[in-house]
Amino acid sequence: MGIIRSSFSFLLGTGCGIYIAQNYNVPNVKKLVNTWLFVAKHVEETYRKPKQKDED
């Protein structure tokens, strides 16, 4: 019974996801993540403390 119940919810979720992706304007998640990573990297490089030379 357990495998039927878990596979049913998986198939139902897959079917709903396919329907939503075909009929609605869903953003490209991979593109959004890459954009935010680029912005985060740019902010981190902009506001990073300057490197200090090691004083021996």
PDB file of N, CA and C in Angstrom:
ATOM      1  N   MET A   1       0.806  -1.193   0.000  1.00  0.00           N
ATOM      2  CA  MET A   1       0.000   0.000   0.000  1.00  0.00           C
ATOM      3  C   MET A   1       0.852   1.261   0.000  1.00  0.00           C
ATOM      4  N   GLY A   2       2.000   1.211   0.649  1.00  0.00           N
ATOM      5  CA  GLY A   2       2.832   2.397   0.770  1.00  0.00           C
ATOM      6  C   GLY A   2       3.390   2.884  -0.551  1.00  0.00           C
ATOM      7  N   ILE A   3       3.812   1.933  -1.398  1.00  0.00           N
ATOM      8  CA  ILE A   3       4.395   2.335  -2.686  1.00  0.00           C
ATOM      9  C   ILE A   3       3.326   2.903  -3.618  1.00  0.00           C
ATOM     10  N   ILE A   4       2.115   2.390  -3.541  1.00  0.00           N
ATOM     11  CA  ILE A   4       1.030   2.911  -4.381  1.00  0.00           C
ATOM     12  C   ILE A   4       0.670   4.321  -3.937  1.00  0.00           C
ATOM     13  N   ARG A   5       0.588   4.543  -2.650  1.00  0.00           N
ATOM     14  CA  ARG A   5       0.213   5.856  -2.123  1.00  0.00           C
ATOM     15  C   ARG A   5       1.282   6.895  -2.456  1.00  0.00           C
ATOM     16  N   SER A   6       2.561   6.550  -2.295  1.00  0.00           N
ATOM     17  CA  SER A   6       3.618   7.524  -2.579  1.00  0.00           C
ATOM     18  C   SER A   6       3.757   7.764  -4.078  1.00  0.00           C
ATOM     19  N   SER A   7       3.575   6.749  -4.895  1.00  0.00           N
ATOM     20  CA  SER A   7       3.671   6.955  -6.340  1.00  0.00           C
ATOM     21  C   SER A   7       2.476   7.750  -6.858  1.00  0.00           C
ATOM     22  N   PHE A   8       1.300   7.593  -6.245  1.00  0.00           N
ATOM     23  CA  PHE A   8       0.130   8.369  -6.645  1.00  0.00           C
ATOM     24  C   PHE A   8       0.364   9.853  -6.401  1.00  0.00           C
ATOM     25  N   SER A   9       0.878  10.220  -5.241  1.00  0.00           N
ATOM     26  CA  SER A   9       1.112  11.638  -4.956  1.00  0.00           C
ATOM     27  C   SER A   9       2.214  12.195  -5.850  1.00  0.00           C
ATOM     28  N   PHE A  10       3.222  11.392  -6.160  1.00  0.00           N
ATOM     29  CA  PHE A  10       4.278  11.824  -7.076  1.00  0.00           C
ATOM     30  C   PHE A  10       3.719  12.071  -8.473  1.00  0.00           C
ATOM     31  N   LEU A  11       2.914  11.149  -8.975  1.00  0.00           N
ATOM     32  CA  LEU A  11       2.333  11.298 -10.307  1.00  0.00           C
ATOM     33  C   LEU A  11       1.348  12.463 -10.360  1.00  0.00           C
ATOM     34  N   LEU A  12       0.577  12.652  -9.313  1.00  0.00           N
ATOM     35  CA  LEU A  12      -0.346  13.782  -9.262  1.00  0.00           C
ATOM     36  C   LEU A  12       0.422  15.103  -9.266  1.00  0.00           C
ATOM     37  N   GLY A  13       1.490  15.192  -8.495  1.00  0.00           N
ATOM     38  CA  GLY A  13       2.310  16.403  -8.478  1.00  0.00           C
ATOM     39  C   GLY A  13       2.992  16.660  -9.809  1.00  0.00           C
ATOM     40  N   THR A  14       3.475  15.606 -10.445  1.00  0.00           N
ATOM     41  CA  THR A  14       4.099  15.745 -11.763  1.00  0.00           C
ATOM     42  C   THR A  14       3.090  16.231 -12.789  1.00  0.00           C
ATOM     43  N   GLY A  15       1.912  15.656 -12.771  1.00  0.00           N
ATOM     44  CA  GLY A  15       0.862  16.070 -13.709  1.00  0.00           C
ATOM     45  C   GLY A  15       0.457  17.523 -13.495  1.00  0.00           C
ATOM     46  N   CYS A  16       0.301  17.940 -12.247  1.00  0.00           N
ATOM     47  CA  CYS A  16      -0.044  19.342 -11.958  1.00  0.00           C
ATOM     48  C   CYS A  16       1.087  20.270 -12.394  1.00  0.00           C
ATOM     49  N   GLY A  17       2.321  19.880 -12.169  1.00  0.00           N
ATOM     50  CA  GLY A  17       3.459  20.696 -12.573  1.00  0.00           C
ATOM     51  C   GLY A  17       3.543  20.867 -14.083  1.00  0.00           C
ATOM     52  N   ILE A  18       3.289  19.804 -14.812  1.00  0.00           N
ATOM     53  CA  ILE A  18       3.299  19.878 -16.280  1.00  0.00           C
ATOM     54  C   ILE A  18       2.181  20.791 -16.762  1.00  0.00           C
ATOM     55  N   TYR A  19       1.005  20.655 -16.186  1.00  0.00           N
ATOM     56  CA  TYR A  19      -0.123  21.494 -16.582  1.00  0.00           C
ATOM     57  C   TYR A  19       0.181  22.971 -16.324  1.00  0.00           C
ATOM     58  N   ILE A  20       0.701  23.288 -15.150  1.00  0.00           N
ATOM     59  CA  ILE A  20       1.017  24.681 -14.802  1.00  0.00           C
ATOM     60  C   ILE A  20       2.093  25.239 -15.717  1.00  0.00           C
ATOM     61  N   ALA A  21       3.129  24.444 -15.998  1.00  0.00           N
ATOM     62  CA  ALA A  21       4.228  24.916 -16.852  1.00  0.00           C
ATOM     63  C   ALA A  21       3.750  25.197 -18.278  1.00  0.00           C
ATOM     64  N   GLN A  22       2.773  24.440 -18.762  1.00  0.00           N
ATOM     65  CA  GLN A  22       2.298  24.635 -20.123  1.00  0.00           C
ATOM     66  C   GLN A  22       1.301  25.782 -20.250  1.00  0.00           C
ATOM     67  N   ASN A  23       0.531  26.037 -19.213  1.00  0.00           N
ATOM     68  CA  ASN A  23      -0.576  26.981 -19.336  1.00  0.00           C
ATOM     69  C   ASN A  23      -0.346  28.328 -18.647  1.00  0.00           C
ATOM     70  N   TYR A  24       0.704  28.465 -17.885  1.00  0.00           N
ATOM     71  CA  TYR A  24       0.965  29.712 -17.180  1.00  0.00           C
ATOM     72  C   TYR A  24       2.389  30.164 -17.467  1.00  0.00           C
ATOM     73  N   ASN A  25       2.635  31.443 -17.264  1.00  0.00           N
ATOM     74  CA  ASN A  25       3.954  32.010 -17.500  1.00  0.00           C
ATOM     75  C   ASN A  25       4.808  31.803 -16.236  1.00  0.00           C
ATOM     76  N   VAL A  26       5.482  30.682 -16.173  1.00  0.00           N
ATOM     77  CA  VAL A  26       6.297  30.323 -15.024  1.00  0.00           C
ATOM     78  C   VAL A  26       7.731  30.786 -15.284  1.00  0.00           C
ATOM     79  N   PRO A  27       8.356  31.507 -14.332  1.00  0.00           N
ATOM     80  CA  PRO A  27       9.722  31.982 -14.577  1.00  0.00           C
ATOM     81  C   PRO A  27      10.719  30.825 -14.602  1.00  0.00           C
ATOM     82  N   ASN A  28      11.819  31.048 -15.305  1.00  0.00           N
ATOM     83  CA  ASN A  28      12.895  30.065 -15.373  1.00  0.00           C
ATOM     84  C   ASN A  28      13.706  30.164 -14.086  1.00  0.00           C
ATOM     85  N   VAL A  29      13.595  29.178 -13.225  1.00  0.00           N
ATOM     86  CA  VAL A  29      14.214  29.217 -11.904  1.00  0.00           C
ATOM     87  C   VAL A  29      15.739  29.228 -12.015  1.00  0.00           C
ATOM     88  N   LYS A  30      16.285  28.471 -12.936  1.00  0.00           N
ATOM     89  CA  LYS A  30      17.733  28.409 -13.091  1.00  0.00           C
ATOM     90  C   LYS A  30      18.298  29.779 -13.468  1.00  0.00           C
ATOM     91  N   LYS A  31      17.608  30.493 -14.350  1.00  0.00           N
ATOM     92  CA  LYS A  31      18.047  31.822 -14.754  1.00  0.00           C
ATOM     93  C   LYS A  31      17.972  32.797 -13.580  1.00  0.00           C
ATOM     94  N   LEU A  32      16.908  32.706 -12.775  1.00  0.00           N
ATOM     95  CA  LEU A  32      16.773  33.579 -11.605  1.00  0.00           C
ATOM     96  C   LEU A  32      17.885  33.326 -10.587  1.00  0.00           C
ATOM     97  N   VAL A  33      18.207  32.061 -10.355  1.00  0.00           N
ATOM     98  CA  VAL A  33      19.258  31.721  -9.394  1.00  0.00           C
ATOM     99  C   VAL A  33      20.605  32.228  -9.891  1.00  0.00           C
ATOM    100  N   ASN A  34      20.902  32.048 -11.171  1.00  0.00           N
ATOM    101  CA  ASN A  34      22.167  32.539 -11.713  1.00  0.00           C
ATOM    102  C   ASN A  34      22.268  34.049 -11.613  1.00  0.00           C
ATOM    103  N   THR A  35      21.153  34.762 -11.836  1.00  0.00           N
ATOM    104  CA  THR A  35      21.152  36.220 -11.723  1.00  0.00           C
ATOM    105  C   THR A  35      21.432  36.646 -10.287  1.00  0.00           C
ATOM    106  N   TRP A  36      20.768  36.015  -9.334  1.00  0.00           N
ATOM    107  CA  TRP A  36      20.984  36.380  -7.922  1.00  0.00           C
ATOM    108  C   TRP A  36      22.394  36.026  -7.458  1.00  0.00           C
ATOM    109  N   LEU A  37      22.963  34.935  -7.953  1.00  0.00           N
ATOM    110  CA  LEU A  37      24.346  34.605  -7.595  1.00  0.00           C
ATOM    111  C   LEU A  37      25.317  35.645  -8.149  1.00  0.00           C
ATOM    112  N   PHE A  38      25.062  36.117  -9.369  1.00  0.00           N
ATOM    113  CA  PHE A  38      25.899  37.156  -9.952  1.00  0.00           C
ATOM    114  C   PHE A  38      25.802  38.444  -9.139  1.00  0.00           C
ATOM    115  N   VAL A  39      24.587  38.823  -8.746  1.00  0.00           N
ATOM    116  CA  VAL A  39      24.400  40.034  -7.945  1.00  0.00           C
ATOM    117  C   VAL A  39      25.084  39.887  -6.587  1.00  0.00           C
ATOM    118  N   ALA A  40      24.943  38.744  -5.954  1.00  0.00           N
ATOM    119  CA  ALA A  40      25.571  38.528  -4.646  1.00  0.00           C
ATOM    120  C   ALA A  40      27.090  38.578  -4.765  1.00  0.00           C
ATOM    121  N   LYS A  41      27.649  37.996  -5.805  1.00  0.00           N
ATOM    122  CA  LYS A  41      29.093  38.023  -6.008  1.00  0.00           C
ATOM    123  C   LYS A  41      29.576  39.450  -6.243  1.00  0.00           C
ATOM    124  N   HIS A  42      28.815  40.226  -7.021  1.00  0.00           N
ATOM    125  CA  HIS A  42      29.182  41.613  -7.293  1.00  0.00           C
ATOM    126  C   HIS A  42      29.153  42.442  -6.005  1.00  0.00           C
ATOM    127  N   VAL A  43      28.129  42.271  -5.187  1.00  0.00           N
ATOM    128  CA  VAL A  43      28.033  43.007  -3.919  1.00  0.00           C
ATOM    129  C   VAL A  43      29.169  42.606  -2.985  1.00  0.00           C
ATOM    130  N   GLU A  44      29.465  41.320  -2.929  1.00  0.00           N
ATOM    131  CA  GLU A  44      30.538  40.841  -2.050  1.00  0.00           C
ATOM    132  C   GLU A  44      31.882  41.415  -2.481  1.00  0.00           C
ATOM    133  N   GLU A  45      32.152  41.462  -3.777  1.00  0.00           N
ATOM    134  CA  GLU A  45      33.420  42.007  -4.258  1.00  0.00           C
ATOM    135  C   GLU A  45      33.486  43.519  -4.066  1.00  0.00           C
ATOM    136  N   THR A  46      32.364  44.200  -4.172  1.00  0.00           N
ATOM    137  CA  THR A  46      32.333  45.657  -4.028  1.00  0.00           C
ATOM    138  C   THR A  46      32.604  46.079  -2.588  1.00  0.00           C
ATOM    139  N   TYR A  47      32.013  45.393  -1.630  1.00  0.00           N
ATOM    140  CA  TYR A  47      32.095  45.808  -0.235  1.00  0.00           C
ATOM    141  C   TYR A  47      33.099  45.003   0.591  1.00  0.00           C
ATOM    142  N   ARG A  48      33.953  44.254  -0.045  1.00  0.00           N
ATOM    143  CA  ARG A  48      34.967  43.472   0.659  1.00  0.00           C
ATOM    144  C   ARG A  48      36.016  44.409   1.247  1.00  0.00           C
ATOM    145  N   LYS A  49      36.504  44.071   2.432  1.00  0.00           N
ATOM    146  CA  LYS A  49      37.568  44.849   3.032  1.00  0.00           C
ATOM    147  C   LYS A  49      38.827  44.696   2.188  1.00  0.00           C
ATOM    148  N   PRO A  50      39.614  45.769   2.061  1.00  0.00           N
ATOM    149  CA  PRO A  50      40.857  45.638   1.293  1.00  0.00           C
ATOM    150  C   PRO A  50      41.831  44.724   2.017  1.00  0.00           C
ATOM    151  N   LYS A  51      42.607  43.981   1.232  1.00  0.00           N
ATOM    152  CA  LYS A  51      43.581  43.070   1.819  1.00  0.00           C
ATOM    153  C   LYS A  51      44.731  43.880   2.411  1.00  0.00           C
ATOM    154  N   GLN A  52      45.169  43.456   3.590  1.00  0.00           N
ATOM    155  CA  GLN A  52      46.299  44.096   4.239  1.00  0.00           C
ATOM    156  C   GLN A  52      47.523  43.204   4.098  1.00  0.00           C
ATOM    157  N   LYS A  53      48.685  43.851   3.923  1.00  0.00           N
ATOM    158  CA  LYS A  53      49.913  43.068   3.815  1.00  0.00           C
ATOM    159  C   LYS A  53      50.280  42.505   5.186  1.00  0.00           C
ATOM    160  N   ASP A  54      50.808  41.306   5.184  1.00  0.00           N
ATOM    161  CA  ASP A  54      51.250  40.711   6.453  1.00  0.00           C
ATOM    162  C   ASP A  54      52.472  41.462   6.961  1.00  0.00           C
ATOM    163  N   GLU A  55      52.386  41.928   8.181  1.00  0.00           N
ATOM    164  CA  GLU A  55      53.521  42.646   8.789  1.00  0.00           C
ATOM    165  C   GLU A  55      54.346  41.656   9.588  1.00  0.00           C
ATOM    166  N   ASP A  56      55.598  41.460   9.175  1.00  0.00           N
ATOM    167  CA  ASP A  56      56.498  40.515   9.850  1.00  0.00           C
ATOM    168  C   ASP A  56      57.346  41.229  10.862  1.00  0.00           C
TER     169      ASP A  56
END
